[in-house]
Amino acid sequence: KTGLSNDNITYSWIPYTTTTTWPLSPGDETKTVWAKFKNGAGLISVPVTDTIILDTAPPTVSNIIIQPNITKSNPTITATATDTLTNIVAAEFYGDWTSPPPAPGFASSMSADDGTFDNLTETVKAIINIGAITEGLHTVWVRARDEAGNWTSPAPSKTFIIDLTPPAISGLPWTS
């Protein structure tokens, strides 16, 4: 038999199998599970342990900046992605020119500013290619994914303006 415990005090004994499902105590944090094994003679092993990070909360995204904010060329978008338990492993953006919004994992990729997604907090960046986007005010959403697979939801947004039209000058007297 196998005895499993979340506290190394109270054990639940179940028939031995190579894999099993075990309920963890509630709350997002690092969890420890203890196991003991009982042989046919009734002798019980010393406990063995393993840890798992239970992370059900999505990362947050903040400090979204689009530069330049009024533009006629491809602007840069940056943001800060943060998780409390597991590293940020991906980030992406999508805009109001994409309809319907893409499922998580299928929008435009962003890169970690330091080159590697390997921290609880990452500055992320990308270039917005405005080539196929209409002139005017646009909204961009940013979301991030943590190691546990949680995506930012809802994704926060920022607006920017594509202005391709030069100013018109009229009504001025011309002299030579």
C-alpha atoms as a PDB file:
ATOM      1  CA  LYS A   1       0.000   0.000   0.000  1.00  0.00           C
ATOM      2  CA  THR A   2       0.917   3.664  -0.335  1.00  0.00           C
ATOM      3  CA  GLY A   3       0.319   6.260   2.366  1.00  0.00           C
ATOM      4  CA  LEU A   4       0.047   9.868   1.173  1.00  0.00           C
ATOM      5  CA  SER A   5      -0.005  13.028   3.273  1.00  0.00           C
ATOM      6  CA  ASN A   6       0.015  16.820   2.890  1.00  0.00           C
ATOM      7  CA  ASP A   7       1.337  17.362   6.447  1.00  0.00           C
ATOM      8  CA  ASN A   8       3.474  14.270   7.323  1.00  0.00           C
ATOM      9  CA  ILE A   9       1.078  13.592  10.213  1.00  0.00           C
ATOM     10  CA  THR A  10      -2.139  12.221   8.745  1.00  0.00           C
ATOM     11  CA  TYR A  11      -1.694   9.595   6.004  1.00  0.00           C
ATOM     12  CA  SER A  12      -4.326   8.195   3.674  1.00  0.00           C
ATOM     13  CA  TRP A  13      -3.573   4.619   2.649  1.00  0.00           C
ATOM     14  CA  ILE A  14      -4.452   3.522  -0.881  1.00  0.00           C
ATOM     15  CA  PRO A  15      -3.569   0.481  -2.998  1.00  0.00           C
ATOM     16  CA  TYR A  16      -0.120   0.828  -4.540  1.00  0.00           C
ATOM     17  CA  THR A  17      -0.010   2.080  -8.139  1.00  0.00           C
ATOM     18  CA  THR A  18       2.793   3.691 -10.126  1.00  0.00           C
ATOM     19  CA  THR A  19       0.703   6.876 -10.545  1.00  0.00           C
ATOM     20  CA  THR A  20      -2.205   8.349  -8.636  1.00  0.00           C
ATOM     21  CA  THR A  21      -4.195  11.539  -8.236  1.00  0.00           C
ATOM     22  CA  TRP A  22      -3.794  13.318  -4.911  1.00  0.00           C
ATOM     23  CA  PRO A  23      -5.636  16.447  -3.690  1.00  0.00           C
ATOM     24  CA  LEU A  24      -3.340  19.235  -2.524  1.00  0.00           C
ATOM     25  CA  SER A  25      -4.175  21.611   0.293  1.00  0.00           C
ATOM     26  CA  PRO A  26      -5.870  24.794  -0.973  1.00  0.00           C
ATOM     27  CA  GLY A  27      -3.990  27.942  -1.949  1.00  0.00           C
ATOM     28  CA  ASP A  28      -1.300  28.837  -4.461  1.00  0.00           C
ATOM     29  CA  GLU A  29       2.158  28.104  -3.047  1.00  0.00           C
ATOM     30  CA  THR A  30       4.885  25.465  -2.952  1.00  0.00           C
ATOM     31  CA  LYS A  31       3.331  22.232  -1.648  1.00  0.00           C
ATOM     32  CA  THR A  32       5.069  19.213  -0.125  1.00  0.00           C
ATOM     33  CA  VAL A  33       3.598  15.724  -0.428  1.00  0.00           C
ATOM     34  CA  TRP A  34       4.844  12.866   1.746  1.00  0.00           C
ATOM     35  CA  ALA A  35       4.609   9.171   0.843  1.00  0.00           C
ATOM     36  CA  LYS A  36       5.189   5.995   2.838  1.00  0.00           C
ATOM     37  CA  PHE A  37       5.018   2.444   1.570  1.00  0.00           C
ATOM     38  CA  LYS A  38       3.794  -0.660   3.383  1.00  0.00           C
ATOM     39  CA  ASN A  39       4.930  -4.128   2.291  1.00  0.00           C
ATOM     40  CA  GLY A  40       3.054  -7.421   2.592  1.00  0.00           C
ATOM     41  CA  ALA A  41       4.524  -8.042   6.052  1.00  0.00           C
ATOM     42  CA  GLY A  42       3.124  -4.706   7.259  1.00  0.00           C
ATOM     43  CA  LEU A  43       6.488  -2.944   7.512  1.00  0.00           C
ATOM     44  CA  ILE A  44       6.307   0.783   6.707  1.00  0.00           C
ATOM     45  CA  SER A  45       9.092   2.740   5.008  1.00  0.00           C
ATOM     46  CA  VAL A  46      10.449   6.086   6.109  1.00  0.00           C
ATOM     47  CA  PRO A  47       8.627   8.926   4.344  1.00  0.00           C
ATOM     48  CA  VAL A  48       9.826  10.330   1.043  1.00  0.00           C
ATOM     49  CA  THR A  49       8.814  13.792  -0.134  1.00  0.00           C
ATOM     50  CA  ASP A  50       8.431  15.804  -3.257  1.00  0.00           C
ATOM     51  CA  THR A  51       7.373  19.393  -3.847  1.00  0.00           C
ATOM     52  CA  ILE A  52       5.133  20.989  -6.428  1.00  0.00           C
ATOM     53  CA  ILE A  53       4.295  24.626  -7.049  1.00  0.00           C
ATOM     54  CA  LEU A  54       0.531  25.066  -7.220  1.00  0.00           C
ATOM     55  CA  ASP A  55       0.015  28.173  -9.355  1.00  0.00           C
ATOM     56  CA  THR A  56      -3.508  28.878 -10.588  1.00  0.00           C
ATOM     57  CA  ALA A  57      -3.237  32.676 -10.684  1.00  0.00           C
ATOM     58  CA  PRO A  58      -2.360  34.408 -13.962  1.00  0.00           C
ATOM     59  CA  PRO A  59       0.513  36.861 -14.257  1.00  0.00           C
ATOM     60  CA  THR A  60      -0.184  40.583 -14.365  1.00  0.00           C
ATOM     61  CA  VAL A  61       0.845  43.039 -17.065  1.00  0.00           C
ATOM     62  CA  SER A  62       1.522  46.702 -16.295  1.00  0.00           C
ATOM     63  CA  ASN A  63       3.447  49.745 -17.517  1.00  0.00           C
ATOM     64  CA  ILE A  64       2.422  49.364 -21.173  1.00  0.00           C
ATOM     65  CA  ILE A  65       4.163  52.006 -23.282  1.00  0.00           C
ATOM     66  CA  ILE A  66       3.849  52.535 -27.041  1.00  0.00           C
ATOM     67  CA  GLN A  67       6.530  54.805 -28.511  1.00  0.00           C
ATOM     68  CA  PRO A  68       5.933  56.918 -30.425  1.00  0.00           C
ATOM     69  CA  ASN A  69       2.290  57.154 -29.368  1.00  0.00           C
ATOM     70  CA  ILE A  70       1.308  59.151 -32.471  1.00  0.00           C
ATOM     71  CA  THR A  71       3.161  57.596 -35.353  1.00  0.00           C
ATOM     72  CA  LYS A  72       3.627  57.203 -39.087  1.00  0.00           C
ATOM     73  CA  SER A  73       6.135  54.347 -38.634  1.00  0.00           C
ATOM     74  CA  ASN A  74       6.306  51.081 -36.690  1.00  0.00           C
ATOM     75  CA  PRO A  75       6.170  51.871 -32.950  1.00  0.00           C
ATOM     76  CA  THR A  76       7.768  49.877 -30.140  1.00  0.00           C
ATOM     77  CA  ILE A  77       5.562  48.421 -27.409  1.00  0.00           C
ATOM     78  CA  THR A  78       6.995  47.574 -23.991  1.00  0.00           C
ATOM     79  CA  ALA A  79       5.356  46.274 -20.827  1.00  0.00           C
ATOM     80  CA  THR A  80       6.144  44.642 -17.491  1.00  0.00           C
ATOM     81  CA  ALA A  81       4.901  41.081 -16.858  1.00  0.00           C
ATOM     82  CA  THR A  82       4.914  39.793 -13.266  1.00  0.00           C
ATOM     83  CA  ASP A  83       3.988  36.538 -11.520  1.00  0.00           C
ATOM     84  CA  THR A  84       4.322  35.717  -7.821  1.00  0.00           C
ATOM     85  CA  LEU A  85       5.191  31.997  -8.024  1.00  0.00           C
ATOM     86  CA  THR A  86       6.514  30.895 -11.403  1.00  0.00           C
ATOM     87  CA  ASN A  87       8.647  32.570 -14.057  1.00  0.00           C
ATOM     88  CA  ILE A  88       7.209  34.450 -17.000  1.00  0.00           C
ATOM     89  CA  VAL A  89       7.813  32.272 -20.088  1.00  0.00           C
ATOM     90  CA  ALA A  90       6.028  34.154 -22.893  1.00  0.00           C
ATOM     91  CA  ALA A  91       4.314  37.411 -23.770  1.00  0.00           C
ATOM     92  CA  GLU A  92       2.291  38.581 -26.757  1.00  0.00           C
ATOM     93  CA  PHE A  93       0.195  41.462 -28.033  1.00  0.00           C
ATOM     94  CA  TYR A  94      -2.793  41.850 -30.335  1.00  0.00           C
ATOM     95  CA  GLY A  95      -4.717  44.848 -31.567  1.00  0.00           C
ATOM     96  CA  ASP A  96      -8.221  45.919 -32.493  1.00  0.00           C
ATOM     97  CA  TRP A  97      -7.287  45.208 -36.132  1.00  0.00           C
ATOM     98  CA  THR A  98      -7.411  41.464 -35.273  1.00  0.00           C
ATOM     99  CA  SER A  99     -10.971  40.198 -35.093  1.00  0.00           C
ATOM    100  CA  PRO A 100     -11.864  38.098 -33.245  1.00  0.00           C
ATOM    101  CA  PRO A 101      -9.006  38.417 -30.746  1.00  0.00           C
ATOM    102  CA  PRO A 102      -6.621  35.468 -31.085  1.00  0.00           C
ATOM    103  CA  ALA A 103      -6.601  32.679 -28.535  1.00  0.00           C
ATOM    104  CA  PRO A 104      -3.750  32.812 -26.004  1.00  0.00           C
ATOM    105  CA  GLY A 105      -0.546  31.690 -27.665  1.00  0.00           C
ATOM    106  CA  PHE A 106      -1.608  32.810 -31.161  1.00  0.00           C
ATOM    107  CA  ALA A 107      -1.024  36.577 -31.113  1.00  0.00           C
ATOM    108  CA  SER A 108       2.152  38.504 -32.008  1.00  0.00           C
ATOM    109  CA  SER A 109       5.099  37.371 -29.871  1.00  0.00           C
ATOM    110  CA  MET A 110       7.020  39.708 -27.619  1.00  0.00           C
ATOM    111  CA  SER A 111      10.584  39.140 -26.430  1.00  0.00           C
ATOM    112  CA  ALA A 112      12.130  39.473 -22.989  1.00  0.00           C
ATOM    113  CA  ASP A 113      14.133  42.698 -22.836  1.00  0.00           C
ATOM    114  CA  ASP A 114      17.116  40.821 -21.342  1.00  0.00           C
ATOM    115  CA  GLY A 115      16.877  38.138 -24.053  1.00  0.00           C
ATOM    116  CA  THR A 116      15.549  35.273 -21.906  1.00  0.00           C
ATOM    117  CA  PHE A 117      12.258  34.556 -20.161  1.00  0.00           C
ATOM    118  CA  ASP A 118      13.617  33.371 -16.805  1.00  0.00           C
ATOM    119  CA  ASN A 119      12.313  35.627 -14.016  1.00  0.00           C
ATOM    120  CA  LEU A 120       9.172  36.338 -12.021  1.00  0.00           C
ATOM    121  CA  THR A 121       9.198  39.843 -13.534  1.00  0.00           C
ATOM    122  CA  GLU A 122      10.117  40.488 -17.163  1.00  0.00           C
ATOM    123  CA  THR A 123      10.183  43.635 -19.257  1.00  0.00           C
ATOM    124  CA  VAL A 124       8.806  42.573 -22.650  1.00  0.00           C
ATOM    125  CA  LYS A 125       8.965  44.336 -25.997  1.00  0.00           C
ATOM    126  CA  ALA A 126       7.966  44.114 -29.655  1.00  0.00           C
ATOM    127  CA  ILE A 127       7.625  46.206 -32.780  1.00  0.00           C
ATOM    128  CA  ILE A 128       4.078  46.827 -34.040  1.00  0.00           C
ATOM    129  CA  ASN A 129       4.086  46.510 -37.831  1.00  0.00           C
ATOM    130  CA  ILE A 130       1.543  49.115 -38.963  1.00  0.00           C
ATOM    131  CA  GLY A 131       1.771  48.189 -42.674  1.00  0.00           C
ATOM    132  CA  ALA A 132      -1.663  46.557 -42.812  1.00  0.00           C
ATOM    133  CA  ILE A 133      -3.355  48.647 -40.104  1.00  0.00           C
ATOM    134  CA  THR A 134      -5.682  51.519 -40.973  1.00  0.00           C
ATOM    135  CA  GLU A 135      -4.955  55.099 -40.024  1.00  0.00           C
ATOM    136  CA  GLY A 136      -6.517  56.309 -36.766  1.00  0.00           C
ATOM    137  CA  LEU A 137      -6.818  55.419 -33.075  1.00  0.00           C
ATOM    138  CA  HIS A 138      -6.038  51.776 -32.181  1.00  0.00           C
ATOM    139  CA  THR A 139      -6.069  49.668 -29.013  1.00  0.00           C
ATOM    140  CA  VAL A 140      -3.394  47.075 -28.232  1.00  0.00           C
ATOM    141  CA  TRP A 141      -3.718  44.374 -25.542  1.00  0.00           C
ATOM    142  CA  VAL A 142      -0.762  42.637 -23.870  1.00  0.00           C
ATOM    143  CA  ARG A 143      -0.827  39.299 -22.065  1.00  0.00           C
ATOM    144  CA  ALA A 144       1.828  37.062 -20.520  1.00  0.00           C
ATOM    145  CA  ARG A 145       2.094  33.352 -19.636  1.00  0.00           C
ATOM    146  CA  ASP A 146       3.748  31.879 -16.555  1.00  0.00           C
ATOM    147  CA  GLU A 147       5.466  28.483 -16.219  1.00  0.00           C
ATOM    148  CA  ALA A 148       2.226  26.943 -14.963  1.00  0.00           C
ATOM    149  CA  GLY A 149       0.511  27.870 -18.252  1.00  0.00           C
ATOM    150  CA  ASN A 150      -1.666  30.682 -16.876  1.00  0.00           C
ATOM    151  CA  TRP A 151      -2.319  33.605 -19.255  1.00  0.00           C
ATOM    152  CA  THR A 152      -3.048  37.171 -18.143  1.00  0.00           C
ATOM    153  CA  SER A 153      -6.803  37.669 -18.155  1.00  0.00           C
ATOM    154  CA  PRO A 154      -8.210  40.140 -18.818  1.00  0.00           C
ATOM    155  CA  ALA A 155      -5.358  41.557 -20.849  1.00  0.00           C
ATOM    156  CA  PRO A 156      -4.704  45.254 -20.131  1.00  0.00           C
ATOM    157  CA  SER A 157      -4.609  47.680 -23.052  1.00  0.00           C
ATOM    158  CA  LYS A 158      -3.058  50.868 -24.363  1.00  0.00           C
ATOM    159  CA  THR A 159      -3.987  53.087 -27.316  1.00  0.00           C
ATOM    160  CA  PHE A 160      -1.909  54.716 -30.031  1.00  0.00           C
ATOM    161  CA  ILE A 161      -2.609  56.703 -33.197  1.00  0.00           C
ATOM    162  CA  ILE A 162      -1.452  56.001 -36.733  1.00  0.00           C
ATOM    163  CA  ASP A 163      -1.284  59.327 -38.564  1.00  0.00           C
ATOM    164  CA  LEU A 164      -0.141  59.044 -42.178  1.00  0.00           C
ATOM    165  CA  THR A 165      -1.780  62.220 -43.474  1.00  0.00           C
ATOM    166  CA  PRO A 166       0.442  65.304 -43.695  1.00  0.00           C
ATOM    167  CA  PRO A 167      -1.103  68.530 -42.471  1.00  0.00           C
ATOM    168  CA  ALA A 168      -2.897  70.612 -45.070  1.00  0.00           C
ATOM    169  CA  ILE A 169      -2.069  74.289 -45.353  1.00  0.00           C
ATOM    170  CA  SER A 170      -4.722  76.562 -46.808  1.00  0.00           C
ATOM    171  CA  GLY A 171      -5.901  80.137 -46.629  1.00  0.00           C
ATOM    172  CA  LEU A 172      -2.456  81.692 -46.297  1.00  0.00           C
ATOM    173  CA  PRO A 173      -1.584  84.549 -48.622  1.00  0.00           C
ATOM    174  CA  TRP A 174       1.325  83.684 -50.873  1.00  0.00           C
ATOM    175  CA  THR A 175       3.811  86.294 -51.962  1.00  0.00           C
ATOM    176  CA  SER A 176       6.822  85.943 -54.123  1.00  0.00           C
END
